[in-house]
Amino acid sequence: LWHNSLSIADAVGLPVDSMQVEVRIGVPHPEKVDKAAVLAILPHGTGTVTVVEGGLEIANDAGTNSTVLAHACAIVRLDV
């Protein structure tokens, strides 16, 4: 998220910090997501984070480790 910059606020004459960002994350273990850390990387505006069970966890052949995939989206709103 910190590498992205949305220029829509500038295009409509609003400050970038007026953006309201809603982040939704689906991950196998929602309780392990640090919502404050996610909010801390938002480049502009104020935000909320919702974490639900989802994503994917794939165990290795030995069953000793796994790969975890999280799915996320950011919904950006401006009051115009």
Protein backbone atom coordinates (compact mmCIF):
# COMPACT_ATOMS: atom_id res chain seq x y z
CA LEU A 1 0.00 0.00 0.00
CA TRP A 2 2.78 2.45 0.77
CA HIS A 3 4.07 2.18 -2.83
CA ASN A 4 0.74 3.23 -4.31
CA SER A 5 -0.42 6.77 -4.68
CA LEU A 6 -3.91 7.70 -5.80
CA SER A 7 -4.20 11.00 -7.61
CA ILE A 8 -8.00 11.19 -7.59
CA ALA A 9 -8.09 13.50 -4.55
CA ASP A 10 -5.90 16.03 -6.34
CA ALA A 11 -8.03 15.69 -9.47
CA VAL A 12 -11.17 16.77 -7.58
CA GLY A 13 -9.40 19.46 -5.54
CA LEU A 14 -9.32 17.65 -2.20
CA PRO A 15 -6.34 16.98 0.07
CA VAL A 16 -5.05 13.40 -0.13
CA ASP A 17 -5.51 13.01 3.60
CA SER A 18 -9.27 13.38 3.16
CA MET A 19 -9.39 9.85 1.74
CA GLN A 20 -11.16 7.19 3.77
CA VAL A 21 -9.54 3.79 3.23
CA GLU A 22 -11.22 0.52 4.14
CA VAL A 23 -8.87 -2.48 4.04
CA ARG A 24 -10.36 -5.98 3.95
CA ILE A 25 -8.12 -9.02 4.45
CA GLY A 26 -8.96 -12.71 4.17
CA VAL A 27 -6.40 -14.99 5.82
CA PRO A 28 -6.47 -18.49 7.39
CA HIS A 29 -5.69 -17.15 10.90
CA PRO A 30 -7.38 -13.73 11.23
CA GLU A 31 -6.37 -13.36 14.88
CA LYS A 32 -2.69 -13.22 13.85
CA VAL A 33 -3.07 -10.08 11.71
CA ASP A 34 -1.78 -6.90 13.35
CA LYS A 35 -4.45 -4.40 12.29
CA ALA A 36 -2.48 -1.46 13.71
CA ALA A 37 0.53 -2.39 11.55
CA VAL A 38 -1.69 -2.48 8.45
CA LEU A 39 -3.12 0.96 9.27
CA ALA A 40 0.37 2.31 9.89
CA ILE A 41 1.40 1.74 6.25
CA LEU A 42 -1.53 3.60 4.69
CA PRO A 43 0.10 6.47 2.79
CA HIS A 44 -2.85 8.88 3.02
CA GLY A 45 -6.12 9.44 4.81
CA THR A 46 -7.76 7.55 7.63
CA GLY A 47 -8.54 3.89 7.60
CA THR A 48 -10.21 0.84 9.02
CA VAL A 49 -9.14 -2.80 8.80
CA THR A 50 -11.47 -5.79 8.72
CA VAL A 51 -9.95 -9.28 8.86
CA VAL A 52 -11.95 -12.42 8.09
CA GLU A 53 -11.18 -16.08 7.66
CA GLY A 54 -10.12 -16.76 4.09
CA GLY A 55 -7.00 -16.94 2.01
CA LEU A 56 -5.19 -20.23 1.65
CA GLU A 57 -2.70 -22.29 3.64
CA ILE A 58 -0.70 -24.95 1.78
CA ALA A 59 1.35 -27.43 3.82
CA ASN A 60 4.67 -28.67 2.45
CA ASP A 61 5.10 -32.38 1.62
CA ALA A 62 6.74 -33.13 4.97
CA GLY A 63 4.00 -31.35 6.91
CA THR A 64 6.59 -29.29 8.75
CA ASN A 65 5.85 -25.90 7.23
CA SER A 66 3.28 -24.12 5.10
CA THR A 67 2.80 -21.28 2.70
CA VAL A 68 0.08 -18.81 3.67
CA LEU A 69 -1.71 -16.66 1.12
CA ALA A 70 -3.72 -13.65 2.23
CA HIS A 71 -6.17 -11.85 -0.03
CA ALA A 72 -6.65 -8.14 0.51
CA CYS A 73 -8.42 -5.20 -1.02
CA ALA A 74 -8.43 -1.49 -0.29
CA ILE A 75 -11.61 0.52 -0.85
CA VAL A 76 -10.94 4.25 -1.09
CA ARG A 77 -13.68 6.84 -0.58
CA LEU A 78 -13.79 10.60 -0.93
CA ASP A 79 -16.61 12.85 0.21
CA VAL A 80 -17.13 14.98 -2.91
